[in-house]
Amino acid sequence: MESRDWPAPAKINLFLHVTGRRADGYHLLQTLFQFVDHGDTLTFRLRDDGAIGRLNALAGVPPEQDLVVRAARRLQEAAGVRAGVDILVEKRLPMGGGLGGGSSDAATVLVALNALWGAGLSVDQLAALGLGLGADVPVFVRGEAAWAEGVGERLTPCPAPEGPVLVITPPCNVETRVVFQDPELTRNTPAITMPALSLPATRNDCEPVTRRLYPEVGAALDWLARHAPARMSGTGASVFAMFTDERAAAEVARQVPAQWPHFLARRVNRSPLLDRLAAARAL
């Protein structure tokens, strides 16, 4: 059986504060995740021999490190599933873009195969499996815009205004590890509470470091800021501006310099993955 058109949407961080660092080196964060109705698309071809494979391997990434393959194997082991699968990933989201592409792909694998294999795991169980793959995976599994704390795993539903968003990704691969290890990274931003959240008073603590290490990101931020308030998602390289008017967003999109890949989409509080899951269950 083949099951197509499973979305793995992008996310944006509406802000990102680094509030501390644990003894094990992991950083403590506060952020607000929102989804974008643009992303990768996955196709699943079920098989009965238990084998798991990816039909279009990610260049430079061996199967044992591929989040898509690892997610399928984790679910197979946790649920005691005997079936296998071949997975095809149509990539639209850039690597190293701060849009959560790899984490979103992994979450879509968990959610889709849980349904297609009839594994029967709960959303909480899937989120726990996802956390072992990456701190961003649980928010994609749950599919709701969320306030996140801890290392990003403590999630509270938190809808934000929806509307057009223009995303620009300069052609550079930002290494999250390098940004978080930089000695100049701010690590002591005072924690805030969700009820007191005011987005204009927030920032992305990673931006100064990413600007210094990857000047193209700074150039894109500066260009976009001349047209609308601009922010960086995660550690970059992607930067974005939120709009209330679609025509204004489209006009700015037409002016983006040719050297910068970009897309115009909508920011949404409900992941398109949940709609696809509902459609699969209705069959």
Protein backbone atom coordinates (compact mmCIF):
# COMPACT_ATOMS: atom_id res chain seq x y z
CA MET A 1 0.00 0.00 0.00
CA GLU A 2 1.18 3.50 -0.79
CA SER A 3 0.05 6.56 1.16
CA ARG A 4 0.91 9.96 -0.27
CA ASP A 5 0.84 13.65 0.59
CA TRP A 6 1.79 13.59 4.27
CA PRO A 7 2.95 17.14 5.08
CA ALA A 8 5.97 18.00 7.20
CA PRO A 9 5.46 21.74 7.69
CA ALA A 10 8.03 24.34 8.65
CA LYS A 11 8.01 26.08 12.01
CA ILE A 12 9.10 29.55 12.95
CA ASN A 13 10.24 30.78 16.35
CA LEU A 14 8.39 34.02 17.03
CA PHE A 15 11.06 34.70 19.66
CA LEU A 16 13.90 32.73 21.26
CA HIS A 17 15.36 33.52 24.68
CA VAL A 18 18.25 31.59 26.25
CA THR A 19 17.63 31.74 29.98
CA GLY A 20 20.39 29.48 31.30
CA ARG A 21 22.46 26.37 30.84
CA ARG A 22 22.19 23.01 32.54
CA ALA A 23 25.12 21.15 34.05
CA ASP A 24 25.06 18.74 31.09
CA GLY A 25 25.60 21.61 28.66
CA TYR A 26 22.06 21.82 27.29
CA HIS A 27 20.65 25.34 27.10
CA LEU A 28 17.42 26.39 28.78
CA LEU A 29 15.10 28.19 26.38
CA GLN A 30 11.85 30.04 26.10
CA THR A 31 10.25 30.29 22.68
CA LEU A 32 6.95 30.39 20.84
CA PHE A 33 6.51 27.94 17.98
CA GLN A 34 4.10 28.56 15.13
CA PHE A 35 3.65 26.49 11.97
CA VAL A 36 3.89 27.56 8.34
CA ASP A 37 1.70 25.93 5.69
CA HIS A 38 4.74 25.14 3.55
CA GLY A 39 7.17 22.27 3.96
CA ASP A 40 8.29 18.82 2.88
CA THR A 41 5.96 16.06 1.69
CA LEU A 42 6.34 12.37 2.54
CA THR A 43 5.11 9.22 0.80
CA PHE A 44 5.01 5.84 2.54
CA ARG A 45 5.13 2.48 0.77
CA LEU A 46 4.30 -0.23 3.28
CA ARG A 47 6.03 -3.57 3.13
CA ASP A 48 5.52 -6.81 5.05
CA ASP A 49 9.12 -7.91 5.60
CA GLY A 50 9.95 -5.48 8.44
CA ALA A 51 12.61 -3.62 6.43
CA ILE A 52 12.80 0.17 6.70
CA GLY A 53 14.41 2.28 4.01
CA ARG A 54 14.46 5.73 2.50
CA LEU A 55 13.93 5.83 -1.26
CA ASN A 56 15.80 9.10 -1.75
CA ALA A 57 18.72 9.18 0.67
CA LEU A 58 19.87 12.49 2.08
CA ALA A 59 23.26 13.36 0.60
CA GLY A 60 26.06 12.93 3.11
CA VAL A 61 23.77 11.41 5.76
CA PRO A 62 24.13 7.64 6.37
CA PRO A 63 20.88 5.74 7.11
CA GLU A 64 21.73 5.25 10.78
CA GLN A 65 21.85 9.04 11.19
CA ASP A 66 18.83 9.85 9.02
CA LEU A 67 16.04 11.16 11.29
CA VAL A 68 13.38 9.74 8.98
CA VAL A 69 14.78 6.22 9.19
CA ARG A 70 15.53 6.50 12.92
CA ALA A 71 11.97 7.68 13.64
CA ALA A 72 10.48 4.71 11.79
CA ARG A 73 12.74 2.26 13.60
CA ARG A 74 11.96 3.78 17.00
CA LEU A 75 8.23 3.45 16.39
CA GLN A 76 8.61 -0.08 15.05
CA GLU A 77 10.53 -1.17 18.15
CA ALA A 78 8.34 0.69 20.66
CA ALA A 79 5.09 -0.70 19.25
CA GLY A 80 6.36 -4.16 18.35
CA VAL A 81 5.36 -3.72 14.71
CA ARG A 82 6.41 -6.40 12.22
CA ALA A 83 5.63 -4.38 9.10
CA GLY A 84 8.21 -2.27 7.29
CA VAL A 85 8.17 0.76 5.04
CA ASP A 86 9.97 2.61 2.28
CA ILE A 87 9.84 6.38 2.69
CA LEU A 88 10.09 9.02 -0.01
CA VAL A 89 10.76 12.61 1.10
CA GLU A 90 10.11 15.52 -1.23
CA LYS A 91 12.35 18.18 0.29
CA ARG A 92 11.39 21.84 0.13
CA LEU A 93 12.81 23.02 3.44
CA PRO A 94 16.53 23.81 3.55
CA MET A 95 18.98 22.10 5.85
CA GLY A 96 20.43 24.42 8.47
CA GLY A 97 17.61 26.90 7.95
CA GLY A 98 16.13 27.02 11.44
CA LEU A 99 12.74 25.91 10.09
CA GLY A 100 12.79 22.47 11.70
CA GLY A 101 12.78 20.48 8.46
CA GLY A 102 14.47 17.35 9.79
CA SER A 103 12.46 17.37 13.02
CA SER A 104 9.22 17.89 11.10
CA ASP A 105 10.03 14.99 8.76
CA ALA A 106 10.68 12.74 11.78
CA ALA A 107 7.41 13.80 13.43
CA THR A 108 5.45 13.10 10.26
CA VAL A 109 6.99 9.62 10.11
CA LEU A 110 5.89 8.92 13.68
CA VAL A 111 2.36 10.26 13.22
CA ALA A 112 1.75 8.72 9.79
CA LEU A 113 3.18 5.29 10.50
CA ASN A 114 1.41 5.10 13.84
CA ALA A 115 -1.81 5.32 11.79
CA LEU A 116 -0.72 3.29 8.75
CA TRP A 117 0.81 0.47 10.81
CA GLY A 118 -2.03 0.54 13.32
CA ALA A 119 0.58 0.85 16.07
CA GLY A 120 -1.89 2.40 18.51
CA LEU A 121 0.47 4.72 20.39
CA SER A 122 -0.96 7.84 22.02
CA VAL A 123 0.12 11.36 21.13
CA ASP A 124 2.03 11.54 24.43
CA GLN A 125 3.87 8.33 23.60
CA LEU A 126 4.73 9.58 20.11
CA ALA A 127 5.98 12.89 21.52
CA ALA A 128 8.19 11.01 24.00
CA LEU A 129 9.66 8.95 21.16
CA GLY A 130 10.21 12.13 19.20
CA LEU A 131 12.05 13.86 22.03
CA GLY A 132 14.73 11.20 21.76
CA LEU A 133 15.28 12.30 18.17
CA GLY A 134 15.36 16.05 18.76
CA ALA A 135 13.98 18.75 21.05
CA ASP A 136 11.77 20.19 18.27
CA VAL A 137 10.11 16.91 17.29
CA PRO A 138 7.38 16.89 19.99
CA VAL A 139 5.86 20.20 18.89
CA PHE A 140 5.49 18.82 15.36
CA VAL A 141 3.95 15.61 16.70
CA ARG A 142 1.37 17.51 18.76
CA GLY A 143 0.62 19.92 15.92
CA GLU A 144 -0.38 22.96 17.96
CA ALA A 145 1.33 26.35 18.17
CA ALA A 146 3.04 26.26 21.53
CA TRP A 147 4.96 28.11 24.19
CA ALA A 148 8.07 26.03 24.90
CA GLU A 149 10.44 25.94 27.86
CA GLY A 150 13.20 23.71 29.22
CA VAL A 151 15.29 22.55 26.27
CA GLY A 152 12.18 23.09 24.15
CA GLU A 153 10.31 19.99 25.28
CA ARG A 154 7.89 21.52 27.82
CA LEU A 155 5.00 22.64 25.65
CA THR A 156 1.88 24.66 26.40
CA PRO A 157 -0.62 25.39 23.61
CA CYS A 158 -0.37 29.07 22.77
CA PRO A 159 -2.11 30.30 19.61
CA ALA A 160 -0.70 33.41 17.96
CA PRO A 161 -2.16 35.67 15.26
CA GLU A 162 -2.25 33.91 11.89
CA GLY A 163 -1.51 35.54 8.57
CA PRO A 164 0.97 35.88 5.70
CA VAL A 165 4.66 35.30 6.34
CA LEU A 166 7.60 35.84 4.03
CA VAL A 167 10.56 33.54 4.69
CA ILE A 168 14.02 34.14 3.21
CA THR A 169 16.83 31.59 3.52
CA PRO A 170 20.28 32.82 2.49
CA PRO A 171 22.35 30.02 0.91
CA CYS A 172 24.39 29.12 3.99
CA ASN A 173 24.06 26.16 6.33
CA VAL A 174 24.01 27.43 9.91
CA GLU A 175 25.27 24.85 12.40
CA THR A 176 23.12 25.04 15.53
CA ARG A 177 25.84 23.44 17.64
CA VAL A 178 28.35 26.11 16.64
CA VAL A 179 25.96 28.93 17.55
CA PHE A 180 25.11 27.47 20.96
CA GLN A 181 28.75 26.79 21.77
CA ASP A 182 29.86 30.33 20.95
CA PRO A 183 31.21 32.09 24.06
CA GLU A 184 29.44 35.33 23.09
CA LEU A 185 25.96 33.79 23.11
CA THR A 186 23.63 35.45 25.64
CA ARG A 187 22.69 32.81 28.21
CA ASN A 188 21.11 34.83 31.00
CA THR A 189 17.99 36.45 29.59
CA PRO A 190 15.45 36.76 32.44
CA ALA A 191 12.62 34.26 32.15
CA ILE A 192 9.18 35.63 31.31
CA THR A 193 5.72 34.15 31.81
CA MET A 194 3.33 33.24 29.03
CA PRO A 195 0.52 35.56 30.25
CA ALA A 196 2.99 38.46 30.24
CA LEU A 197 4.24 37.75 26.73
CA SER A 198 4.59 40.81 24.51
CA LEU A 199 6.27 39.89 21.23
CA PRO A 200 7.63 43.41 20.56
CA ALA A 201 9.54 43.14 23.85
CA THR A 202 11.16 39.83 22.89
CA ARG A 203 14.08 38.94 20.64
CA ASN A 204 16.12 36.05 19.33
CA ASP A 205 19.20 35.70 21.55
CA CYS A 206 21.00 33.72 18.83
CA GLU A 207 20.82 36.52 16.28
CA PRO A 208 24.01 38.46 17.21
CA VAL A 209 26.15 35.30 17.08
CA THR A 210 24.60 34.09 13.81
CA ARG A 211 25.06 37.54 12.27
CA ARG A 212 28.75 37.50 13.17
CA LEU A 213 29.42 33.95 11.99
CA TYR A 214 27.20 34.07 8.91
CA PRO A 215 27.14 37.63 7.47
CA GLU A 216 24.67 36.65 4.75
CA VAL A 217 22.03 36.09 7.41
CA GLY A 218 22.61 39.58 8.73
CA ALA A 219 22.36 40.99 5.21
CA ALA A 220 19.00 39.26 4.68
CA LEU A 221 17.71 40.48 8.05
CA ASP A 222 18.74 44.05 7.27
CA TRP A 223 17.13 43.95 3.83
CA LEU A 224 13.88 42.48 5.14
CA ALA A 225 13.75 44.93 8.05
CA ARG A 226 13.55 47.80 5.56
CA HIS A 227 10.16 46.44 4.47
CA ALA A 228 8.66 44.94 7.66
CA PRO A 229 9.71 43.88 11.17
CA ALA A 230 12.12 40.98 10.60
CA ARG A 231 13.21 38.12 12.82
CA MET A 232 15.39 35.04 12.58
CA SER A 233 13.94 31.56 13.15
CA GLY A 234 15.88 29.36 15.55
CA THR A 235 19.60 29.77 14.97
CA GLY A 236 18.98 30.69 11.30
CA ALA A 237 19.71 30.86 8.45
CA SER A 238 16.05 31.57 7.69
CA VAL A 239 14.64 34.99 8.48
CA PHE A 240 11.00 36.02 8.28
CA ALA A 241 8.57 38.91 8.39
CA MET A 242 4.93 38.64 9.41
CA PHE A 243 2.23 40.60 7.59
CA THR A 244 -1.46 41.24 8.03
CA ASP A 245 -2.11 42.07 4.37
CA GLU A 246 -1.48 39.47 1.65
CA ARG A 247 -0.95 42.03 -1.09
CA ALA A 248 1.70 43.85 0.93
CA ALA A 249 3.46 40.55 1.61
CA ALA A 250 3.37 39.60 -2.06
CA GLU A 251 4.81 42.98 -3.07
CA VAL A 252 7.78 42.55 -0.73
CA ALA A 253 8.25 38.96 -1.95
CA ARG A 254 8.56 40.23 -5.52
CA GLN A 255 11.45 42.45 -4.46
CA VAL A 256 13.57 39.78 -2.73
CA PRO A 257 17.05 39.71 -4.33
CA ALA A 258 17.50 36.79 -6.70
CA GLN A 259 20.36 35.25 -4.71
CA TRP A 260 18.10 34.52 -1.72
CA PRO A 261 15.68 31.57 -1.93
CA HIS A 262 12.37 32.51 -0.38
CA PHE A 263 8.72 31.56 -0.11
CA LEU A 264 5.48 33.26 0.82
CA ALA A 265 3.07 31.24 2.97
CA ARG A 266 0.74 31.51 5.94
CA ARG A 267 1.59 31.10 9.60
CA VAL A 268 -0.95 28.80 11.24
CA ASN A 269 -1.66 27.50 14.72
CA ARG A 270 -2.79 24.04 13.62
CA SER A 271 -0.34 21.89 11.72
CA PRO A 272 -1.47 20.64 8.29
CA LEU A 273 -0.28 17.22 9.49
CA LEU A 274 -3.32 16.96 11.80
CA ASP A 275 -5.69 17.50 8.86
CA ARG A 276 -3.90 14.81 6.86
CA LEU A 277 -4.13 12.42 9.81
CA ALA A 278 -7.86 13.07 10.12
CA ALA A 279 -8.27 12.34 6.41
CA ALA A 280 -6.38 9.05 6.76
CA ARG A 281 -8.53 7.97 9.69
CA ALA A 282 -11.68 8.76 7.73
CA LEU A 283 -10.82 6.26 4.97
